[in-house]
């Protein structure tokens, strides 16, 4: 969890990049992309930034994950250092170096922001669709089964995982693929770059899990 929390955090930057490019987030407002794409992105933002809190009210998935870490006895000192430094205005890469971020998480974040910094909508959409939304339901389902059999108090973590299984598996994965299809269109170059980026994102995920396994 002390490694994976960084993937929970940097997911929001992929999402915000897509929101900024597929919806209008400034005044004066003008319509951008299509209503279906706007609905899709805004729906995910709504859930990720302000989902239903099992304790009442609303909570972001990032804050929910940190609560789950607290229940499990995991430290979130490193991610707090990183987020606080960024909030204070420290440049991302400097903030990473100044914070207690595990090396595998540093590499994962580096890949995420390398894709964002290339500033190609179809590449970010590919990383989002195949490196996150399509991947998560099956991965988390196995975790939920194991946690339920464990007998310890992982209620918040189980809720977090089940929300992603429900949202991503039932709805978001298919819509994210449609989003990618929309932004690539009939452009073979974009599809080629999207494919390469999807592979890059998946390789980064594998490396993150390998890093966690080696620490364990």
C-alpha atoms as a PDB file:
ATOM      1  CA  UNK A   1       0.000   0.000   0.000  1.00  0.00           C
ATOM      2  CA  UNK A   2       2.925   2.350   0.717  1.00  0.00           C
ATOM      3  CA  UNK A   3       3.972   1.832  -2.924  1.00  0.00           C
ATOM      4  CA  UNK A   4       0.547   1.571  -4.584  1.00  0.00           C
ATOM      5  CA  UNK A   5      -0.758   4.821  -3.065  1.00  0.00           C
ATOM      6  CA  UNK A   6       1.383   6.695  -5.614  1.00  0.00           C
ATOM      7  CA  UNK A   7      -0.544   5.013  -8.439  1.00  0.00           C
ATOM      8  CA  UNK A   8      -3.780   6.064  -6.739  1.00  0.00           C
ATOM      9  CA  UNK A   9      -2.457   9.621  -6.580  1.00  0.00           C
ATOM     10  CA  UNK A  10      -0.987  10.032 -10.078  1.00  0.00           C
ATOM     11  CA  UNK A  11      -4.099   8.548 -11.698  1.00  0.00           C
ATOM     12  CA  UNK A  12      -5.763  11.881 -10.960  1.00  0.00           C
ATOM     13  CA  UNK A  13      -3.257  13.751 -13.121  1.00  0.00           C
ATOM     14  CA  UNK A  14      -4.041  11.512 -16.103  1.00  0.00           C
ATOM     15  CA  UNK A  15      -7.718  12.131 -15.461  1.00  0.00           C
ATOM     16  CA  UNK A  16      -7.307  15.888 -15.074  1.00  0.00           C
ATOM     17  CA  UNK A  17      -5.317  16.074 -18.305  1.00  0.00           C
ATOM     18  CA  UNK A  18      -8.202  14.352 -20.102  1.00  0.00           C
ATOM     19  CA  UNK A  19     -10.756  16.596 -18.402  1.00  0.00           C
ATOM     20  CA  UNK A  20      -8.829  19.710 -19.440  1.00  0.00           C
ATOM     21  CA  UNK A  21      -8.611  18.527 -23.046  1.00  0.00           C
ATOM     22  CA  UNK A  22     -12.068  16.998 -23.528  1.00  0.00           C
ATOM     23  CA  UNK A  23     -14.133  19.494 -21.528  1.00  0.00           C
ATOM     24  CA  UNK A  24     -13.970  23.247 -21.100  1.00  0.00           C
ATOM     25  CA  UNK A  25     -12.560  24.093 -17.671  1.00  0.00           C
ATOM     26  CA  UNK A  26     -12.225  27.846 -18.075  1.00  0.00           C
ATOM     27  CA  UNK A  27     -14.386  30.940 -18.463  1.00  0.00           C
ATOM     28  CA  UNK A  28     -15.840  31.945 -20.832  1.00  0.00           C
ATOM     29  CA  UNK A  29     -17.137  28.434 -21.477  1.00  0.00           C
ATOM     30  CA  UNK A  30     -17.416  26.918 -24.958  1.00  0.00           C
ATOM     31  CA  UNK A  31     -18.525  23.359 -25.825  1.00  0.00           C
ATOM     32  CA  UNK A  32     -15.636  20.978 -26.391  1.00  0.00           C
ATOM     33  CA  UNK A  33     -15.411  17.426 -27.845  1.00  0.00           C
ATOM     34  CA  UNK A  34     -18.761  15.580 -27.606  1.00  0.00           C
ATOM     35  CA  UNK A  35     -21.429  15.492 -24.912  1.00  0.00           C
ATOM     36  CA  UNK A  36     -20.817  11.764 -24.404  1.00  0.00           C
ATOM     37  CA  UNK A  37     -17.100  12.257 -23.831  1.00  0.00           C
ATOM     38  CA  UNK A  38     -17.761  15.188 -21.515  1.00  0.00           C
ATOM     39  CA  UNK A  39     -20.208  13.072 -19.526  1.00  0.00           C
ATOM     40  CA  UNK A  40     -17.742  10.181 -19.322  1.00  0.00           C
ATOM     41  CA  UNK A  41     -14.837  12.279 -18.054  1.00  0.00           C
ATOM     42  CA  UNK A  42     -16.925  14.349 -15.646  1.00  0.00           C
ATOM     43  CA  UNK A  43     -18.555  11.200 -14.268  1.00  0.00           C
ATOM     44  CA  UNK A  44     -15.154   9.693 -13.462  1.00  0.00           C
ATOM     45  CA  UNK A  45     -13.937  12.961 -11.933  1.00  0.00           C
ATOM     46  CA  UNK A  46     -17.052  13.068  -9.759  1.00  0.00           C
ATOM     47  CA  UNK A  47     -16.435   9.549  -8.468  1.00  0.00           C
ATOM     48  CA  UNK A  48     -12.686   9.896  -7.999  1.00  0.00           C
ATOM     49  CA  UNK A  49     -12.753  13.285  -6.272  1.00  0.00           C
ATOM     50  CA  UNK A  50     -16.005  12.967  -4.318  1.00  0.00           C
ATOM     51  CA  UNK A  51     -17.329   9.395  -4.108  1.00  0.00           C
ATOM     52  CA  UNK A  52     -19.721   8.205  -1.418  1.00  0.00           C
ATOM     53  CA  UNK A  53     -17.960   7.905   1.923  1.00  0.00           C
ATOM     54  CA  UNK A  54     -19.021   4.705   3.730  1.00  0.00           C
ATOM     55  CA  UNK A  55     -18.905   6.785   6.933  1.00  0.00           C
ATOM     56  CA  UNK A  56     -21.278   9.365   5.455  1.00  0.00           C
ATOM     57  CA  UNK A  57     -20.799  12.288   3.106  1.00  0.00           C
ATOM     58  CA  UNK A  58     -18.247  12.204   0.306  1.00  0.00           C
ATOM     59  CA  UNK A  59     -14.536  11.525  -0.051  1.00  0.00           C
ATOM     60  CA  UNK A  60     -11.916  11.299  -2.786  1.00  0.00           C
ATOM     61  CA  UNK A  61     -10.550   7.858  -3.590  1.00  0.00           C
ATOM     62  CA  UNK A  62      -7.078   9.108  -2.700  1.00  0.00           C
ATOM     63  CA  UNK A  63      -8.203  10.149   0.781  1.00  0.00           C
ATOM     64  CA  UNK A  64     -10.187   6.921   1.113  1.00  0.00           C
ATOM     65  CA  UNK A  65      -7.081   4.904   0.253  1.00  0.00           C
ATOM     66  CA  UNK A  66      -5.070   6.760   2.895  1.00  0.00           C
ATOM     67  CA  UNK A  67      -7.769   5.885   5.443  1.00  0.00           C
ATOM     68  CA  UNK A  68      -7.444   2.247   4.394  1.00  0.00           C
ATOM     69  CA  UNK A  69      -3.687   2.518   4.856  1.00  0.00           C
ATOM     70  CA  UNK A  70      -4.223   3.822   8.379  1.00  0.00           C
ATOM     71  CA  UNK A  71      -6.477   0.849   9.194  1.00  0.00           C
ATOM     72  CA  UNK A  72      -3.839  -1.539   7.853  1.00  0.00           C
ATOM     73  CA  UNK A  73      -1.027   0.114   9.805  1.00  0.00           C
ATOM     74  CA  UNK A  74       0.733   1.396   6.675  1.00  0.00           C
ATOM     75  CA  UNK A  75       2.641   4.675   6.719  1.00  0.00           C
ATOM     76  CA  UNK A  76       1.637   7.436   4.319  1.00  0.00           C
ATOM     77  CA  UNK A  77       4.437   9.784   5.350  1.00  0.00           C
ATOM     78  CA  UNK A  78       6.082   9.658   1.913  1.00  0.00           C
ATOM     79  CA  UNK A  79       2.965  10.461  -0.109  1.00  0.00           C
ATOM     80  CA  UNK A  80       2.038  13.233   2.336  1.00  0.00           C
ATOM     81  CA  UNK A  81       5.484  14.777   1.904  1.00  0.00           C
ATOM     82  CA  UNK A  82       5.130  14.652  -1.880  1.00  0.00           C
ATOM     83  CA  UNK A  83       1.614  16.088  -2.040  1.00  0.00           C
ATOM     84  CA  UNK A  84       2.382  18.818   0.500  1.00  0.00           C
ATOM     85  CA  UNK A  85       5.507  19.918  -1.357  1.00  0.00           C
ATOM     86  CA  UNK A  86       3.606  20.074  -4.648  1.00  0.00           C
ATOM     87  CA  UNK A  87       0.817  22.057  -2.941  1.00  0.00           C
ATOM     88  CA  UNK A  88       3.466  24.510  -1.730  1.00  0.00           C
ATOM     89  CA  UNK A  89       4.616  25.034  -5.321  1.00  0.00           C
ATOM     90  CA  UNK A  90       7.643  22.742  -5.534  1.00  0.00           C
ATOM     91  CA  UNK A  91       8.264  21.404  -9.035  1.00  0.00           C
ATOM     92  CA  UNK A  92       7.166  17.763  -9.357  1.00  0.00           C
ATOM     93  CA  UNK A  93      10.530  16.100  -9.900  1.00  0.00           C
ATOM     94  CA  UNK A  94      12.186  18.108  -7.163  1.00  0.00           C
ATOM     95  CA  UNK A  95       9.291  17.274  -4.831  1.00  0.00           C
ATOM     96  CA  UNK A  96       9.773  13.572  -5.576  1.00  0.00           C
ATOM     97  CA  UNK A  97      13.482  13.768  -4.775  1.00  0.00           C
ATOM     98  CA  UNK A  98      12.789  15.665  -1.538  1.00  0.00           C
ATOM     99  CA  UNK A  99      10.193  13.132  -0.353  1.00  0.00           C
ATOM    100  CA  UNK A 100      10.522   9.597   0.971  1.00  0.00           C
ATOM    101  CA  UNK A 101       9.176   7.927  -2.190  1.00  0.00           C
ATOM    102  CA  UNK A 102      10.063   4.246  -2.827  1.00  0.00           C
ATOM    103  CA  UNK A 103      12.241   3.801  -5.912  1.00  0.00           C
ATOM    104  CA  UNK A 104       9.680   1.675  -7.776  1.00  0.00           C
ATOM    105  CA  UNK A 105       7.031   4.336  -7.162  1.00  0.00           C
ATOM    106  CA  UNK A 106       9.419   7.038  -8.401  1.00  0.00           C
ATOM    107  CA  UNK A 107       9.827   5.136 -11.658  1.00  0.00           C
ATOM    108  CA  UNK A 108       6.073   4.630 -11.975  1.00  0.00           C
ATOM    109  CA  UNK A 109       5.309   8.310 -11.407  1.00  0.00           C
ATOM    110  CA  UNK A 110       8.087   9.165 -13.837  1.00  0.00           C
ATOM    111  CA  UNK A 111       6.436   7.120 -16.575  1.00  0.00           C
ATOM    112  CA  UNK A 112       3.019   8.652 -15.901  1.00  0.00           C
ATOM    113  CA  UNK A 113       4.261  12.225 -16.139  1.00  0.00           C
ATOM    114  CA  UNK A 114       6.519  11.454 -19.080  1.00  0.00           C
ATOM    115  CA  UNK A 115       3.364  10.450 -20.974  1.00  0.00           C
ATOM    116  CA  UNK A 116       1.545  13.586 -19.774  1.00  0.00           C
ATOM    117  CA  UNK A 117       4.497  15.844 -20.645  1.00  0.00           C
ATOM    118  CA  UNK A 118       4.519  14.591 -24.243  1.00  0.00           C
ATOM    119  CA  UNK A 119       1.159  16.401 -24.441  1.00  0.00           C
ATOM    120  CA  UNK A 120      -0.505  14.018 -26.906  1.00  0.00           C
ATOM    121  CA  UNK A 121      -4.151  13.446 -26.064  1.00  0.00           C
ATOM    122  CA  UNK A 122      -4.296  10.023 -27.722  1.00  0.00           C
ATOM    123  CA  UNK A 123      -1.281   8.806 -25.726  1.00  0.00           C
ATOM    124  CA  UNK A 124      -2.730   9.919 -22.396  1.00  0.00           C
ATOM    125  CA  UNK A 125      -6.058   8.348 -23.380  1.00  0.00           C
ATOM    126  CA  UNK A 126      -4.262   5.071 -24.143  1.00  0.00           C
ATOM    127  CA  UNK A 127      -2.431   5.068 -20.805  1.00  0.00           C
ATOM    128  CA  UNK A 128      -5.707   5.817 -19.056  1.00  0.00           C
ATOM    129  CA  UNK A 129      -7.777   3.216 -20.922  1.00  0.00           C
ATOM    130  CA  UNK A 130      -5.386   0.270 -20.914  1.00  0.00           C
ATOM    131  CA  UNK A 131      -2.937   1.100 -18.131  1.00  0.00           C
ATOM    132  CA  UNK A 132      -5.682   1.867 -15.597  1.00  0.00           C
ATOM    133  CA  UNK A 133      -9.390   1.435 -16.373  1.00  0.00           C
ATOM    134  CA  UNK A 134      -9.287  -1.851 -18.318  1.00  0.00           C
ATOM    135  CA  UNK A 135      -6.694  -3.406 -16.038  1.00  0.00           C
ATOM    136  CA  UNK A 136      -8.091  -2.703 -12.593  1.00  0.00           C
ATOM    137  CA  UNK A 137     -11.306  -4.774 -12.176  1.00  0.00           C
ATOM    138  CA  UNK A 138      -9.728  -8.233 -12.616  1.00  0.00           C
ATOM    139  CA  UNK A 139      -6.649  -7.226 -10.617  1.00  0.00           C
ATOM    140  CA  UNK A 140      -8.698  -5.915  -7.690  1.00  0.00           C
ATOM    141  CA  UNK A 141     -11.201  -8.798  -7.727  1.00  0.00           C
ATOM    142  CA  UNK A 142      -8.498 -11.266  -6.718  1.00  0.00           C
ATOM    143  CA  UNK A 143      -7.404  -8.932  -3.911  1.00  0.00           C
ATOM    144  CA  UNK A 144     -10.951  -8.649  -2.519  1.00  0.00           C
ATOM    145  CA  UNK A 145     -11.328 -12.431  -2.360  1.00  0.00           C
ATOM    146  CA  UNK A 146      -8.060 -12.742  -0.450  1.00  0.00           C
ATOM    147  CA  UNK A 147      -8.859  -9.872   1.919  1.00  0.00           C
ATOM    148  CA  UNK A 148     -12.317 -11.266   2.712  1.00  0.00           C
ATOM    149  CA  UNK A 149     -10.731 -14.592   3.589  1.00  0.00           C
ATOM    150  CA  UNK A 150      -8.063 -12.945   5.751  1.00  0.00           C
ATOM    151  CA  UNK A 151     -10.347 -12.149   8.679  1.00  0.00           C
ATOM    152  CA  UNK A 152      -8.594  -8.879   9.591  1.00  0.00           C
ATOM    153  CA  UNK A 153     -10.097  -5.392   9.501  1.00  0.00           C
ATOM    154  CA  UNK A 154      -9.608  -4.221   5.934  1.00  0.00           C
ATOM    155  CA  UNK A 155     -13.129  -2.833   5.542  1.00  0.00           C
ATOM    156  CA  UNK A 156     -12.111   0.476   3.976  1.00  0.00           C
ATOM    157  CA  UNK A 157      -9.663  -1.151   1.572  1.00  0.00           C
ATOM    158  CA  UNK A 158     -12.295  -3.695   0.537  1.00  0.00           C
ATOM    159  CA  UNK A 159     -14.810  -0.883  -0.038  1.00  0.00           C
ATOM    160  CA  UNK A 160     -12.247   1.021  -2.124  1.00  0.00           C
ATOM    161  CA  UNK A 161     -11.473  -2.038  -4.245  1.00  0.00           C
ATOM    162  CA  UNK A 162     -15.128  -2.979  -4.675  1.00  0.00           C
ATOM    163  CA  UNK A 163     -16.000   0.557  -5.827  1.00  0.00           C
ATOM    164  CA  UNK A 164     -13.379   0.309  -8.563  1.00  0.00           C
ATOM    165  CA  UNK A 165     -14.530  -3.158  -9.574  1.00  0.00           C
ATOM    166  CA  UNK A 166     -18.098  -1.883  -9.817  1.00  0.00           C
ATOM    167  CA  UNK A 167     -17.364   1.400 -11.608  1.00  0.00           C
ATOM    168  CA  UNK A 168     -14.518   0.329 -13.882  1.00  0.00           C
ATOM    169  CA  UNK A 169     -15.805  -3.138 -14.702  1.00  0.00           C
ATOM    170  CA  UNK A 170     -19.424  -2.196 -15.348  1.00  0.00           C
ATOM    171  CA  UNK A 171     -19.003   1.091 -17.151  1.00  0.00           C
ATOM    172  CA  UNK A 172     -15.740   2.970 -17.284  1.00  0.00           C
ATOM    173  CA  UNK A 173     -13.507   0.471 -19.093  1.00  0.00           C
ATOM    174  CA  UNK A 174     -15.811   0.305 -22.106  1.00  0.00           C
ATOM    175  CA  UNK A 175     -16.265   4.068 -22.240  1.00  0.00           C
ATOM    176  CA  UNK A 176     -12.527   4.676 -21.966  1.00  0.00           C
ATOM    177  CA  UNK A 177     -11.988   2.448 -25.008  1.00  0.00           C
ATOM    178  CA  UNK A 178     -14.616   4.477 -26.883  1.00  0.00           C
ATOM    179  CA  UNK A 179     -12.834   7.658 -25.805  1.00  0.00           C
ATOM    180  CA  UNK A 180      -9.572   6.355 -27.243  1.00  0.00           C
ATOM    181  CA  UNK A 181     -11.329   5.390 -30.461  1.00  0.00           C
ATOM    182  CA  UNK A 182     -12.732   8.912 -30.708  1.00  0.00           C
ATOM    183  CA  UNK A 183      -9.422  10.714 -30.184  1.00  0.00           C
ATOM    184  CA  UNK A 184      -7.494   8.423 -32.563  1.00  0.00           C
ATOM    185  CA  UNK A 185     -10.163   8.257 -35.255  1.00  0.00           C
ATOM    186  CA  UNK A 186      -8.775   6.923 -38.545  1.00  0.00           C
ATOM    187  CA  UNK A 187      -5.261   8.211 -37.907  1.00  0.00           C
ATOM    188  CA  UNK A 188      -2.911   5.201 -38.135  1.00  0.00           C
ATOM    189  CA  UNK A 189      -0.023   7.175 -36.631  1.00  0.00           C
ATOM    190  CA  UNK A 190      -2.091   7.996 -33.552  1.00  0.00           C
ATOM    191  CA  UNK A 191      -3.154   4.361 -33.178  1.00  0.00           C
ATOM    192  CA  UNK A 192       0.485   3.257 -33.426  1.00  0.00           C
ATOM    193  CA  UNK A 193       1.580   5.770 -30.791  1.00  0.00           C
ATOM    194  CA  UNK A 194      -1.396   4.830 -28.584  1.00  0.00           C
ATOM    195  CA  UNK A 195      -0.416   1.159 -28.780  1.00  0.00           C
ATOM    196  CA  UNK A 196       3.177   1.919 -27.810  1.00  0.00           C
ATOM    197  CA  UNK A 197       2.031   4.104 -24.918  1.00  0.00           C
ATOM    198  CA  UNK A 198      -0.375   1.424 -23.649  1.00  0.00           C
ATOM    199  CA  UNK A 199       2.524  -1.043 -23.599  1.00  0.00           C
ATOM    200  CA  UNK A 200       4.674   1.542 -21.807  1.00  0.00           C
ATOM    201  CA  UNK A 201       2.002   2.057 -19.138  1.00  0.00           C
ATOM    202  CA  UNK A 202       1.523  -1.682 -18.619  1.00  0.00           C
ATOM    203  CA  UNK A 203       5.274  -2.252 -18.344  1.00  0.00           C
ATOM    204  CA  UNK A 204       5.435   0.482 -15.704  1.00  0.00           C
ATOM    205  CA  UNK A 205       2.642  -1.232 -13.751  1.00  0.00           C
ATOM    206  CA  UNK A 206       4.483  -4.567 -13.876  1.00  0.00           C
ATOM    207  CA  UNK A 207       7.687  -2.894 -12.690  1.00  0.00           C
ATOM    208  CA  UNK A 208       5.787  -1.276  -9.791  1.00  0.00           C
ATOM    209  CA  UNK A 209       4.388  -4.643  -8.661  1.00  0.00           C
ATOM    210  CA  UNK A 210       7.819  -6.258  -9.070  1.00  0.00           C
ATOM    211  CA  UNK A 211       9.266  -3.533  -6.857  1.00  0.00           C
ATOM    212  CA  UNK A 212       6.612  -4.197  -4.221  1.00  0.00           C
ATOM    213  CA  UNK A 213       7.272  -7.950  -4.387  1.00  0.00           C
ATOM    214  CA  UNK A 214      11.005  -7.444  -3.899  1.00  0.00           C
ATOM    215  CA  UNK A 215      10.397  -5.246  -0.831  1.00  0.00           C
ATOM    216  CA  UNK A 216       8.081  -7.857   0.680  1.00  0.00           C
END
